[in-house]
Amino acid sequence: PVMMLGIGVSVSVLTLSMVRQQRDLEEKDAQLRLTLKESKRQ
């Protein structure tokens, strides 16, 4: 059980980190899309 808890903690930390990175990437992607749209307009 302790080993499974350790695995669970590691997976949770990695997952939370990946979720944050994904959110950051999504925000940057949205900004890039807006920038690309404005660039195409210009």
Full PDB file with SEQRES, HELIX, SHEET, SSBOND, CRYST1, ORIGX, SCALE, CONECT and MASTER records, all heavy atoms in Angstrom:
SEQRES   1 A   42  PRO VAL MET MET LEU GLY ILE GLY VAL SER VAL SER VAL          
SEQRES   2 A   42  LEU THR LEU SER MET VAL ARG GLN GLN ARG ASP LEU GLU          
SEQRES   3 A   42  GLU LYS ASP ALA GLN LEU ARG LEU THR LEU LYS GLU SER          
SEQRES   4 A   42  LYS ARG GLN                                                  
HELIX    1 AA1 VAL A    2  ARG A   41  1                                  40    
CRYST1    1.000    1.000    1.000  90.00  90.00  90.00 P 1           1          
ORIGX1      1.000000  0.000000  0.000000        0.00000                         
ORIGX2      0.000000  1.000000  0.000000        0.00000                         
ORIGX3      0.000000  0.000000  1.000000        0.00000                         
SCALE1      1.000000  0.000000  0.000000        0.00000                         
SCALE2      0.000000  1.000000  0.000000        0.00000                         
SCALE3      0.000000  0.000000  1.000000        0.00000                         
ATOM      1  N   PRO A   1       0.811  -1.226   0.000  1.00  0.00           N  
ATOM      2  CA  PRO A   1       0.000   0.000   0.000  1.00  0.00           C  
ATOM      3  C   PRO A   1       0.845   1.277   0.000  1.00  0.00           C  
ATOM      4  O   PRO A   1       0.516   2.260  -0.662  1.00  0.00           O  
ATOM      5  CB  PRO A   1      -0.844  -0.115   1.267  1.00  0.00           C  
ATOM      6  CG  PRO A   1      -0.867  -1.569   1.571  1.00  0.00           C  
ATOM      7  CD  PRO A   1       0.434  -2.110   1.120  1.00  0.00           C  
ATOM      8  N   VAL A   2       1.963   1.234   0.769  1.00  0.00           N  
ATOM      9  CA  VAL A   2       2.827   2.424   0.805  1.00  0.00           C  
ATOM     10  C   VAL A   2       3.447   2.677  -0.566  1.00  0.00           C  
ATOM     11  O   VAL A   2       3.540   3.822  -1.033  1.00  0.00           O  
ATOM     12  CB  VAL A   2       3.914   2.259   1.879  1.00  0.00           C  
ATOM     13  CG1 VAL A   2       4.947   3.389   1.792  1.00  0.00           C  
ATOM     14  CG2 VAL A   2       3.285   2.243   3.268  1.00  0.00           C  
ATOM     15  N   MET A   3       3.879   1.588  -1.218  1.00  0.00           N  
ATOM     16  CA  MET A   3       4.457   1.743  -2.556  1.00  0.00           C  
ATOM     17  C   MET A   3       3.421   2.297  -3.535  1.00  0.00           C  
ATOM     18  O   MET A   3       3.720   3.173  -4.352  1.00  0.00           O  
ATOM     19  CB  MET A   3       4.967   0.390  -3.042  1.00  0.00           C  
ATOM     20  CG  MET A   3       5.645   0.446  -4.410  1.00  0.00           C  
ATOM     21  SD  MET A   3       6.250  -1.155  -4.930  1.00  0.00           S  
ATOM     22  CE  MET A   3       4.703  -2.011  -5.201  1.00  0.00           C  
ATOM     23  N   MET A   4       2.186   1.796  -3.452  1.00  0.00           N  
ATOM     24  CA  MET A   4       1.131   2.294  -4.336  1.00  0.00           C  
ATOM     25  C   MET A   4       0.833   3.774  -4.061  1.00  0.00           C  
ATOM     26  O   MET A   4       0.572   4.556  -4.986  1.00  0.00           O  
ATOM     27  CB  MET A   4      -0.140   1.461  -4.170  1.00  0.00           C  
ATOM     28  CG  MET A   4       0.013   0.027  -4.643  1.00  0.00           C  
ATOM     29  SD  MET A   4       0.410  -0.023  -6.405  1.00  0.00           S  
ATOM     30  CE  MET A   4       0.852  -1.749  -6.605  1.00  0.00           C  
ATOM     31  N   LEU A   5       0.884   4.139  -2.756  1.00  0.00           N  
ATOM     32  CA  LEU A   5       0.680   5.543  -2.419  1.00  0.00           C  
ATOM     33  C   LEU A   5       1.788   6.413  -3.027  1.00  0.00           C  
ATOM     34  O   LEU A   5       1.527   7.501  -3.557  1.00  0.00           O  
ATOM     35  CB  LEU A   5       0.638   5.716  -0.899  1.00  0.00           C  
ATOM     36  CG  LEU A   5       0.497   7.160  -0.391  1.00  0.00           C  
ATOM     37  CD1 LEU A   5      -0.821   7.762  -0.868  1.00  0.00           C  
ATOM     38  CD2 LEU A   5       0.572   7.204   1.137  1.00  0.00           C  
ATOM     39  N   GLY A   6       3.030   5.918  -2.938  1.00  0.00           N  
ATOM     40  CA  GLY A   6       4.141   6.673  -3.539  1.00  0.00           C  
ATOM     41  C   GLY A   6       3.972   6.824  -5.035  1.00  0.00           C  
ATOM     42  O   GLY A   6       4.219   7.904  -5.602  1.00  0.00           O  
ATOM     43  N   ILE A   7       3.555   5.747  -5.697  1.00  0.00           N  
ATOM     44  CA  ILE A   7       3.311   5.830  -7.132  1.00  0.00           C  
ATOM     45  C   ILE A   7       2.195   6.822  -7.421  1.00  0.00           C  
ATOM     46  O   ILE A   7       2.273   7.640  -8.354  1.00  0.00           O  
ATOM     47  CB  ILE A   7       2.974   4.443  -7.696  1.00  0.00           C  
ATOM     48  CG1 ILE A   7       4.198   3.530  -7.608  1.00  0.00           C  
ATOM     49  CG2 ILE A   7       2.486   4.543  -9.139  1.00  0.00           C  
ATOM     50  CD1 ILE A   7       3.920   2.096  -7.989  1.00  0.00           C  
ATOM     51  N   GLY A   8       1.129   6.766  -6.591  1.00  0.00           N  
ATOM     52  CA  GLY A   8       0.011   7.683  -6.787  1.00  0.00           C  
ATOM     53  C   GLY A   8       0.423   9.138  -6.625  1.00  0.00           C  
ATOM     54  O   GLY A   8       0.005  10.005  -7.401  1.00  0.00           O  
ATOM     55  N   VAL A   9       1.280   9.395  -5.592  1.00  0.00           N  
ATOM     56  CA  VAL A   9       1.744  10.767  -5.382  1.00  0.00           C  
ATOM     57  C   VAL A   9       2.562  11.238  -6.584  1.00  0.00           C  
ATOM     58  O   VAL A   9       2.398  12.361  -7.083  1.00  0.00           O  
ATOM     59  CB  VAL A   9       2.575  10.863  -4.086  1.00  0.00           C  
ATOM     60  CG1 VAL A   9       3.265  12.214  -3.980  1.00  0.00           C  
ATOM     61  CG2 VAL A   9       1.688  10.638  -2.869  1.00  0.00           C  
ATOM     62  N   SER A  10       3.464  10.376  -7.063  1.00  0.00           N  
ATOM     63  CA  SER A  10       4.303  10.751  -8.214  1.00  0.00           C  
ATOM     64  C   SER A  10       3.453  11.029  -9.438  1.00  0.00           C  
ATOM     65  O   SER A  10       3.660  12.038 -10.152  1.00  0.00           O  
ATOM     66  CB  SER A  10       5.304   9.624  -8.511  1.00  0.00           C  
ATOM     67  OG  SER A  10       6.146   9.402  -7.399  1.00  0.00           O  
ATOM     68  N   VAL A  11       2.484  10.152  -9.693  1.00  0.00           N  
ATOM     69  CA  VAL A  11       1.627  10.342 -10.858  1.00  0.00           C  
ATOM     70  C   VAL A  11       0.801  11.615 -10.718  1.00  0.00           C  
ATOM     71  O   VAL A  11       0.610  12.371 -11.680  1.00  0.00           O  
ATOM     72  CB  VAL A  11       0.728   9.115 -11.066  1.00  0.00           C  
ATOM     73  CG1 VAL A  11      -0.304   9.376 -12.175  1.00  0.00           C  
ATOM     74  CG2 VAL A  11       1.564   7.897 -11.419  1.00  0.00           C  
ATOM     75  N   SER A  12       0.291  11.887  -9.488  1.00  0.00           N  
ATOM     76  CA  SER A  12      -0.518  13.097  -9.270  1.00  0.00           C  
ATOM     77  C   SER A  12       0.295  14.358  -9.515  1.00  0.00           C  
ATOM     78  O   SER A  12      -0.176  15.309 -10.157  1.00  0.00           O  
ATOM     79  CB  SER A  12      -1.078  13.104  -7.847  1.00  0.00           C  
ATOM     80  OG  SER A  12      -1.982  12.037  -7.651  1.00  0.00           O  
ATOM     81  N   VAL A  13       1.541  14.364  -8.998  1.00  0.00           N  
ATOM     82  CA  VAL A  13       2.391  15.539  -9.195  1.00  0.00           C  
ATOM     83  C   VAL A  13       2.674  15.751 -10.677  1.00  0.00           C  
ATOM     84  O   VAL A  13       2.574  16.873 -11.206  1.00  0.00           O  
ATOM     85  CB  VAL A  13       3.708  15.380  -8.409  1.00  0.00           C  
ATOM     86  CG1 VAL A  13       4.696  16.482  -8.790  1.00  0.00           C  
ATOM     87  CG2 VAL A  13       3.444  15.412  -6.915  1.00  0.00           C  
ATOM     88  N   LEU A  14       3.024  14.659 -11.382  1.00  0.00           N  
ATOM     89  CA  LEU A  14       3.291  14.782 -12.808  1.00  0.00           C  
ATOM     90  C   LEU A  14       2.052  15.230 -13.567  1.00  0.00           C  
ATOM     91  O   LEU A  14       2.124  16.059 -14.482  1.00  0.00           O  
ATOM     92  CB  LEU A  14       3.788  13.444 -13.357  1.00  0.00           C  
ATOM     93  CG  LEU A  14       5.185  13.001 -12.910  1.00  0.00           C  
ATOM     94  CD1 LEU A  14       5.483  11.598 -13.410  1.00  0.00           C  
ATOM     95  CD2 LEU A  14       6.244  13.968 -13.423  1.00  0.00           C  
ATOM     96  N   THR A  15       0.893  14.669 -13.165  1.00  0.00           N  
ATOM     97  CA  THR A  15      -0.350  15.035 -13.854  1.00  0.00           C  
ATOM     98  C   THR A  15      -0.680  16.504 -13.650  1.00  0.00           C  
ATOM     99  O   THR A  15      -1.048  17.219 -14.600  1.00  0.00           O  
ATOM    100  CB  THR A  15      -1.505  14.166 -13.349  1.00  0.00           C  
ATOM    101  OG1 THR A  15      -1.204  12.790 -13.618  1.00  0.00           O  
ATOM    102  CG2 THR A  15      -2.807  14.542 -14.044  1.00  0.00           C  
ATOM    103  N   LEU A  16      -0.569  16.972 -12.385  1.00  0.00           N  
ATOM    104  CA  LEU A  16      -0.851  18.384 -12.122  1.00  0.00           C  
ATOM    105  C   LEU A  16       0.106  19.287 -12.895  1.00  0.00           C  
ATOM    106  O   LEU A  16      -0.295  20.320 -13.434  1.00  0.00           O  
ATOM    107  CB  LEU A  16      -0.752  18.668 -10.628  1.00  0.00           C  
ATOM    108  CG  LEU A  16      -1.851  18.048  -9.757  1.00  0.00           C  
ATOM    109  CD1 LEU A  16      -1.571  18.297  -8.272  1.00  0.00           C  
ATOM    110  CD2 LEU A  16      -3.218  18.621 -10.125  1.00  0.00           C  
ATOM    111  N   SER A  17       1.375  18.878 -12.945  1.00  0.00           N  
ATOM    112  CA  SER A  17       2.345  19.667 -13.706  1.00  0.00           C  
ATOM    113  C   SER A  17       1.986  19.691 -15.186  1.00  0.00           C  
ATOM    114  O   SER A  17       2.033  20.742 -15.838  1.00  0.00           O  
ATOM    115  CB  SER A  17       3.745  19.087 -13.506  1.00  0.00           C  
ATOM    116  OG  SER A  17       4.690  19.770 -14.304  1.00  0.00           O  
ATOM    117  N   MET A  18       1.600  18.546 -15.727  1.00  0.00           N  
ATOM    118  CA  MET A  18       1.221  18.482 -17.132  1.00  0.00           C  
ATOM    119  C   MET A  18      -0.044  19.287 -17.407  1.00  0.00           C  
ATOM    120  O   MET A  18      -0.170  19.925 -18.458  1.00  0.00           O  
ATOM    121  CB  MET A  18       1.024  17.021 -17.547  1.00  0.00           C  
ATOM    122  CG  MET A  18       2.317  16.210 -17.581  1.00  0.00           C  
ATOM    123  SD  MET A  18       2.042  14.470 -17.969  1.00  0.00           S  
ATOM    124  CE  MET A  18       1.378  14.599 -19.613  1.00  0.00           C  
ATOM    125  N   VAL A  19      -0.981  19.266 -16.440  1.00  0.00           N  
ATOM    126  CA  VAL A  19      -2.213  20.042 -16.621  1.00  0.00           C  
ATOM    127  C   VAL A  19      -1.895  21.531 -16.688  1.00  0.00           C  
ATOM    128  O   VAL A  19      -2.419  22.264 -17.526  1.00  0.00           O  
ATOM    129  CB  VAL A  19      -3.205  19.735 -15.483  1.00  0.00           C  
ATOM    130  CG1 VAL A  19      -4.353  20.741 -15.495  1.00  0.00           C  
ATOM    131  CG2 VAL A  19      -3.751  18.321 -15.634  1.00  0.00           C  
ATOM    132  N   ARG A  20      -1.008  21.970 -15.755  1.00  0.00           N  
ATOM    133  CA  ARG A  20      -0.614  23.381 -15.780  1.00  0.00           C  
ATOM    134  C   ARG A  20       0.078  23.722 -17.098  1.00  0.00           C  
ATOM    135  O   ARG A  20      -0.187  24.780 -17.700  1.00  0.00           O  
ATOM    136  CB  ARG A  20       0.316  23.685 -14.606  1.00  0.00           C  
ATOM    137  CG  ARG A  20      -0.353  23.584 -13.237  1.00  0.00           C  
ATOM    138  CD  ARG A  20       0.540  24.171 -12.167  1.00  0.00           C  
ATOM    139  NE  ARG A  20       0.017  23.918 -10.824  1.00  0.00           N  
ATOM    140  CZ  ARG A  20       0.428  22.922 -10.042  1.00  0.00           C  
ATOM    141  NH1 ARG A  20       1.384  22.085 -10.472  1.00  0.00           N  
ATOM    142  NH2 ARG A  20      -0.096  22.755  -8.843  1.00  0.00           N  
ATOM    143  N   GLN A  21       0.983  22.851 -17.540  1.00  0.00           N  
ATOM    144  CA  GLN A  21       1.675  23.100 -18.805  1.00  0.00           C  
ATOM    145  C   GLN A  21       0.688  23.139 -19.968  1.00  0.00           C  
ATOM    146  O   GLN A  21       0.798  23.973 -20.873  1.00  0.00           O  
ATOM    147  CB  GLN A  21       2.726  22.021 -19.056  1.00  0.00           C  
ATOM    148  CG  GLN A  21       3.922  22.094 -18.104  1.00  0.00           C  
ATOM    149  CD  GLN A  21       4.934  21.004 -18.380  1.00  0.00           C  
ATOM    150  OE1 GLN A  21       4.768  20.200 -19.294  1.00  0.00           O  
ATOM    151  NE2 GLN A  21       5.984  20.953 -17.579  1.00  0.00           N  
ATOM    152  N   GLN A  22      -0.307  22.216 -19.900  1.00  0.00           N  
ATOM    153  CA  GLN A  22      -1.299  22.198 -20.972  1.00  0.00           C  
ATOM    154  C   GLN A  22      -2.113  23.479 -20.980  1.00  0.00           C  
ATOM    155  O   GLN A  22      -2.402  24.038 -22.051  1.00  0.00           O  
ATOM    156  CB  GLN A  22      -2.220  20.991 -20.803  1.00  0.00           C  
ATOM    157  CG  GLN A  22      -3.242  20.850 -21.927  1.00  0.00           C  
ATOM    158  CD  GLN A  22      -4.090  19.619 -21.789  1.00  0.00           C  
ATOM    159  OE1 GLN A  22      -3.913  18.832 -20.860  1.00  0.00           O  
ATOM    160  NE2 GLN A  22      -5.025  19.433 -22.712  1.00  0.00           N  
ATOM    161  N   ARG A  23      -2.478  23.962 -19.786  1.00  0.00           N  
ATOM    162  CA  ARG A  23      -3.228  25.217 -19.727  1.00  0.00           C  
ATOM    163  C   ARG A  23      -2.396  26.374 -20.263  1.00  0.00           C  
ATOM    164  O   ARG A  23      -2.895  27.226 -21.011  1.00  0.00           O  
ATOM    165  CB  ARG A  23      -3.660  25.495 -18.286  1.00  0.00           C  
ATOM    166  CG  ARG A  23      -4.768  24.557 -17.795  1.00  0.00           C  
ATOM    167  CD  ARG A  23      -5.064  24.794 -16.343  1.00  0.00           C  
ATOM    168  NE  ARG A  23      -6.121  23.898 -15.863  1.00  0.00           N  
ATOM    169  CZ  ARG A  23      -6.465  23.779 -14.582  1.00  0.00           C  
ATOM    170  NH1 ARG A  23      -5.842  24.511 -13.656  1.00  0.00           N  
ATOM    171  NH2 ARG A  23      -7.423  22.949 -14.231  1.00  0.00           N  
ATOM    172  N   ASP A  24      -1.110  26.392 -19.860  1.00  0.00           N  
ATOM    173  CA  ASP A  24      -0.228  27.444 -20.379  1.00  0.00           C  
ATOM    174  C   ASP A  24      -0.115  27.364 -21.896  1.00  0.00           C  
ATOM    175  O   ASP A  24      -0.158  28.391 -22.598  1.00  0.00           O  
ATOM    176  CB  ASP A  24       1.163  27.334 -19.750  1.00  0.00           C  
ATOM    177  CG  ASP A  24       1.154  27.664 -18.267  1.00  0.00           C  
ATOM    178  OD1 ASP A  24       0.187  28.303 -17.813  1.00  0.00           O  
ATOM    179  OD2 ASP A  24       2.102  27.269 -17.563  1.00  0.00           O  
ATOM    180  N   LEU A  25       0.027  26.129 -22.400  1.00  0.00           N  
ATOM    181  CA  LEU A  25       0.132  25.958 -23.837  1.00  0.00           C  
ATOM    182  C   LEU A  25      -1.157  26.385 -24.540  1.00  0.00           C  
ATOM    183  O   LEU A  25      -1.115  26.982 -25.626  1.00  0.00           O  
ATOM    184  CB  LEU A  25       0.448  24.503 -24.176  1.00  0.00           C  
ATOM    185  CG  LEU A  25       1.871  24.029 -23.833  1.00  0.00           C  
ATOM    186  CD1 LEU A  25       2.008  22.539 -24.098  1.00  0.00           C  
ATOM    187  CD2 LEU A  25       2.910  24.796 -24.641  1.00  0.00           C  
ATOM    188  N   GLU A  26      -2.300  26.065 -23.927  1.00  0.00           N  
ATOM    189  CA  GLU A  26      -3.571  26.466 -24.528  1.00  0.00           C  
ATOM    190  C   GLU A  26      -3.703  27.982 -24.560  1.00  0.00           C  
ATOM    191  O   GLU A  26      -4.199  28.546 -25.545  1.00  0.00           O  
ATOM    192  CB  GLU A  26      -4.730  25.839 -23.752  1.00  0.00           C  
ATOM    193  CG  GLU A  26      -4.853  24.324 -23.955  1.00  0.00           C  
ATOM    194  CD  GLU A  26      -5.931  23.715 -23.087  1.00  0.00           C  
ATOM    195  OE1 GLU A  26      -6.469  24.447 -22.211  1.00  0.00           O  
ATOM    196  OE2 GLU A  26      -6.236  22.527 -23.253  1.00  0.00           O  
ATOM    197  N   GLU A  27      -3.275  28.645 -23.456  1.00  0.00           N  
ATOM    198  CA  GLU A  27      -3.322  30.108 -23.435  1.00  0.00           C  
ATOM    199  C   GLU A  27      -2.394  30.689 -24.492  1.00  0.00           C  
ATOM    200  O   GLU A  27      -2.756  31.625 -25.230  1.00  0.00           O  
ATOM    201  CB  GLU A  27      -2.930  30.621 -22.054  1.00  0.00           C  
ATOM    202  CG  GLU A  27      -3.960  30.310 -20.966  1.00  0.00           C  
ATOM    203  CD  GLU A  27      -3.509  30.795 -19.608  1.00  0.00           C  
ATOM    204  OE1 GLU A  27      -2.387  31.341 -19.516  1.00  0.00           O  
ATOM    205  OE2 GLU A  27      -4.269  30.622 -18.634  1.00  0.00           O  
ATOM    206  N   LYS A  28      -1.183  30.117 -24.579  1.00  0.00           N  
ATOM    207  CA  LYS A  28      -0.243  30.607 -25.587  1.00  0.00           C  
ATOM    208  C   LYS A  28      -0.761  30.322 -26.990  1.00  0.00           C  
ATOM    209  O   LYS A  28      -0.586  31.130 -27.910  1.00  0.00           O  
ATOM    210  CB  LYS A  28       1.130  29.964 -25.386  1.00  0.00           C  
ATOM    211  CG  LYS A  28       1.836  30.422 -24.118  1.00  0.00           C  
ATOM    212  CD  LYS A  28       3.182  29.748 -23.961  1.00  0.00           C  
ATOM    213  CE  LYS A  28       3.879  30.230 -22.688  1.00  0.00           C  
ATOM    214  NZ  LYS A  28       5.197  29.569 -22.499  1.00  0.00           N  
ATOM    215  N   ASP A  29      -1.391  29.154 -27.142  1.00  0.00           N  
ATOM    216  CA  ASP A  29      -1.952  28.827 -28.448  1.00  0.00           C  
ATOM    217  C   ASP A  29      -3.044  29.821 -28.840  1.00  0.00           C  
ATOM    218  O   ASP A  29      -3.113  30.260 -29.994  1.00  0.00           O  
ATOM    219  CB  ASP A  29      -2.525  27.408 -28.416  1.00  0.00           C  
ATOM    220  CG  ASP A  29      -3.108  26.991 -29.755  1.00  0.00           C  
ATOM    221  OD1 ASP A  29      -2.344  26.863 -30.720  1.00  0.00           O  
ATOM    222  OD2 ASP A  29      -4.347  26.807 -29.821  1.00  0.00           O  
ATOM    223  N   ALA A  30      -3.894  30.178 -27.845  1.00  0.00           N  
ATOM    224  CA  ALA A  30      -4.943  31.168 -28.121  1.00  0.00           C  
ATOM    225  C   ALA A  30      -4.333  32.510 -28.492  1.00  0.00           C  
ATOM    226  O   ALA A  30      -4.793  33.178 -29.432  1.00  0.00           O  
ATOM    227  CB  ALA A  30      -5.856  31.301 -26.909  1.00  0.00           C  
ATOM    228  N   GLN A  31      -3.265  32.900 -27.760  1.00  0.00           N  
ATOM    229  CA  GLN A  31      -2.601  34.163 -28.073  1.00  0.00           C  
ATOM    230  C   GLN A  31      -1.961  34.120 -29.461  1.00  0.00           C  
ATOM    231  O   GLN A  31      -2.034  35.091 -30.226  1.00  0.00           O  
ATOM    232  CB  GLN A  31      -1.540  34.471 -27.024  1.00  0.00           C  
ATOM    233  CG  GLN A  31      -2.118  34.766 -25.637  1.00  0.00           C  
ATOM    234  CD  GLN A  31      -1.026  34.978 -24.602  1.00  0.00           C  
ATOM    235  OE1 GLN A  31       0.162  34.835 -24.898  1.00  0.00           O  
ATOM    236  NE2 GLN A  31      -1.426  35.294 -23.385  1.00  0.00           N  
ATOM    237  N   LEU A  32      -1.338  32.976 -29.777  1.00  0.00           N  
ATOM    238  CA  LEU A  32      -0.715  32.845 -31.091  1.00  0.00           C  
ATOM    239  C   LEU A  32      -1.758  32.896 -32.202  1.00  0.00           C  
ATOM    240  O   LEU A  32      -1.518  33.474 -33.269  1.00  0.00           O  
ATOM    241  CB  LEU A  32       0.072  31.531 -31.171  1.00  0.00           C  
ATOM    242  CG  LEU A  32       1.390  31.484 -30.399  1.00  0.00           C  
ATOM    243  CD1 LEU A  32       1.989  30.090 -30.452  1.00  0.00           C  
ATOM    244  CD2 LEU A  32       2.382  32.492 -30.962  1.00  0.00           C  
ATOM    245  N   ARG A  33      -2.922  32.294 -31.946  1.00  0.00           N  
ATOM    246  CA  ARG A  33      -3.977  32.327 -32.954  1.00  0.00           C  
ATOM    247  C   ARG A  33      -4.456  33.763 -33.180  1.00  0.00           C  
ATOM    248  O   ARG A  33      -4.693  34.180 -34.324  1.00  0.00           O  
ATOM    249  CB  ARG A  33      -5.146  31.435 -32.528  1.00  0.00           C  
ATOM    250  CG  ARG A  33      -4.832  29.944 -32.610  1.00  0.00           C  
ATOM    251  CD  ARG A  33      -6.025  29.100 -32.148  1.00  0.00           C  
ATOM    252  NE  ARG A  33      -5.697  27.689 -32.177  1.00  0.00           N  
ATOM    253  CZ  ARG A  33      -5.807  26.902 -33.245  1.00  0.00           C  
ATOM    254  NH1 ARG A  33      -6.236  27.435 -34.394  1.00  0.00           N  
ATOM    255  NH2 ARG A  33      -5.488  25.633 -33.182  1.00  0.00           N  
ATOM    256  N   LEU A  34      -4.599  34.505 -32.059  1.00  0.00           N  
ATOM    257  CA  LEU A  34      -5.000  35.901 -32.195  1.00  0.00           C  
ATOM    258  C   LEU A  34      -3.935  36.707 -32.928  1.00  0.00           C  
ATOM    259  O   LEU A  34      -4.236  37.530 -33.802  1.00  0.00           O  
ATOM    260  CB  LEU A  34      -5.265  36.509 -30.816  1.00  0.00           C  
ATOM    261  CG  LEU A  34      -6.527  36.023 -30.090  1.00  0.00           C  
ATOM    262  CD1 LEU A  34      -6.586  36.600 -28.678  1.00  0.00           C  
ATOM    263  CD2 LEU A  34      -7.778  36.401 -30.866  1.00  0.00           C  
ATOM    264  N   THR A  35      -2.665  36.447 -32.543  1.00  0.00           N  
ATOM    265  CA  THR A  35      -1.566  37.152 -33.199  1.00  0.00           C  
ATOM    266  C   THR A  35      -1.503  36.806 -34.688  1.00  0.00           C  
ATOM    267  O   THR A  35      -1.289  37.684 -35.537  1.00  0.00           O  
ATOM    268  CB  THR A  35      -0.228  36.793 -32.531  1.00  0.00           C  
ATOM    269  OG1 THR A  35      -0.298  37.110 -31.138  1.00  0.00           O  
ATOM    270  CG2 THR A  35       0.921  37.573 -33.158  1.00  0.00           C  
ATOM    271  N   LEU A  36      -1.706  35.515 -34.996  1.00  0.00           N  
ATOM    272  CA  LEU A  36      -1.683  35.088 -36.394  1.00  0.00           C  
ATOM    273  C   LEU A  36      -2.833  35.727 -37.172  1.00  0.00           C  
ATOM    274  O   LEU A  36      -2.653  36.184 -38.307  1.00  0.00           O  
ATOM    275  CB  LEU A  36      -1.780  33.565 -36.469  1.00  0.00           C  
ATOM    276  CG  LEU A  36      -1.794  32.957 -37.874  1.00  0.00           C  
ATOM    277  CD1 LEU A  36      -0.510  33.304 -38.624  1.00  0.00           C  
ATOM    278  CD2 LEU A  36      -1.973  31.447 -37.803  1.00  0.00           C  
ATOM    279  N   LYS A  37      -3.999  35.786 -36.528  1.00  0.00           N  
ATOM    280  CA  LYS A  37      -5.152  36.403 -37.186  1.00  0.00           C  
ATOM    281  C   LYS A  37      -4.892  37.882 -37.459  1.00  0.00           C  
ATOM    282  O   LYS A  37      -5.168  38.389 -38.553  1.00  0.00           O  
ATOM    283  CB  LYS A  37      -6.389  36.232 -36.302  1.00  0.00           C  
ATOM    284  CG  LYS A  37      -7.661  36.782 -36.914  1.00  0.00           C  
ATOM    285  CD  LYS A  37      -8.855  36.544 -35.998  1.00  0.00           C  
ATOM    286  CE  LYS A  37     -10.137  37.123 -36.608  1.00  0.00           C  
ATOM    287  NZ  LYS A  37     -11.303  36.909 -35.711  1.00  0.00           N  
ATOM    288  N   GLU A  38      -4.323  38.575 -36.450  1.00  0.00           N  
ATOM    289  CA  GLU A  38      -4.005  39.990 -36.628  1.00  0.00           C  
ATOM    290  C   GLU A  38      -2.915  40.176 -37.674  1.00  0.00           C  
ATOM    291  O   GLU A  38      -2.955  41.112 -38.478  1.00  0.00           O  
ATOM    292  CB  GLU A  38      -3.564  40.596 -35.290  1.00  0.00           C  
ATOM    293  CG  GLU A  38      -3.185  42.069 -35.349  1.00  0.00           C  
ATOM    294  CD  GLU A  38      -4.350  42.960 -35.714  1.00  0.00           C  
ATOM    295  OE1 GLU A  38      -5.525  42.505 -35.589  1.00  0.00           O  
ATOM    296  OE2 GLU A  38      -4.114  44.106 -36.118  1.00  0.00           O  
ATOM    297  N   SER A  39      -1.929  39.245 -37.657  1.00  0.00           N  
ATOM    298  CA  SER A  39      -0.850  39.329 -38.638  1.00  0.00           C  
ATOM    299  C   SER A  39      -1.385  39.143 -40.055  1.00  0.00           C  
ATOM    300  O   SER A  39      -0.981  39.870 -40.979  1.00  0.00           O  
ATOM    301  CB  SER A  39       0.210  38.265 -38.336  1.00  0.00           C  
ATOM    302  OG  SER A  39       1.219  38.263 -39.318  1.00  0.00           O  
ATOM    303  N   LYS A  40      -2.317  38.202 -40.223  1.00  0.00           N  
ATOM    304  CA  LYS A  40      -2.900  37.996 -41.547  1.00  0.00           C  
ATOM    305  C   LYS A  40      -3.716  39.215 -41.980  1.00  0.00           C  
ATOM    306  O   LYS A  40      -3.717  39.589 -43.154  1.00  0.00           O  
ATOM    307  CB  LYS A  40      -3.774  36.748 -41.538  1.00  0.00           C  
ATOM    308  CG  LYS A  40      -2.971  35.444 -41.462  1.00  0.00           C  
ATOM    309  CD  LYS A  40      -3.882  34.238 -41.544  1.00  0.00           C  
ATOM    310  CE  LYS A  40      -3.071  32.950 -41.554  1.00  0.00           C  
ATOM    311  NZ  LYS A  40      -3.944  31.744 -41.627  1.00  0.00           N  
ATOM    312  N   ARG A  41      -4.413  39.823 -40.998  1.00  0.00           N  
ATOM    313  CA  ARG A  41      -5.181  41.019 -41.328  1.00  0.00           C  
ATOM    314  C   ARG A  41      -4.253  42.150 -41.771  1.00  0.00           C  
ATOM    315  O   ARG A  41      -4.503  42.837 -42.762  1.00  0.00           O  
ATOM    316  CB  ARG A  41      -6.014  41.464 -40.129  1.00  0.00           C  
ATOM    317  CG  ARG A  41      -7.017  42.566 -40.450  1.00  0.00           C  
ATOM    318  CD  ARG A  41      -7.681  43.065 -39.183  1.00  0.00           C  
ATOM    319  NE  ARG A  41      -6.758  43.823 -38.361  1.00  0.00           N  
ATOM    320  CZ  ARG A  41      -6.463  45.109 -38.578  1.00  0.00           C  
ATOM    321  NH1 ARG A  41      -7.021  45.762 -39.584  1.00  0.00           N  
ATOM    322  NH2 ARG A  41      -5.609  45.728 -37.788  1.00  0.00           N  
ATOM    323  N   GLN A  42      -3.159  42.326 -41.008  1.00  0.00           N  
ATOM    324  CA  GLN A  42      -2.196  43.367 -41.358  1.00  0.00           C  
ATOM    325  C   GLN A  42      -1.537  43.070 -42.710  1.00  0.00           C  
ATOM    326  O   GLN A  42      -1.301  43.980 -43.516  1.00  0.00           O  
ATOM    327  CB  GLN A  42      -1.119  43.478 -40.269  1.00  0.00           C  
ATOM    328  CG  GLN A  42      -1.623  43.961 -38.927  1.00  0.00           C  
ATOM    329  CD  GLN A  42      -1.939  45.435 -38.938  1.00  0.00           C  
ATOM    330  OE1 GLN A  42      -1.629  46.150 -39.883  1.00  0.00           O  
ATOM    331  NE2 GLN A  42      -2.559  45.920 -37.881  1.00  0.00           N  
TER     332      GLN A  42                                                      
MASTER        0    0    0    1    0    0    0    6  331    1    0    4          
END                                                                             
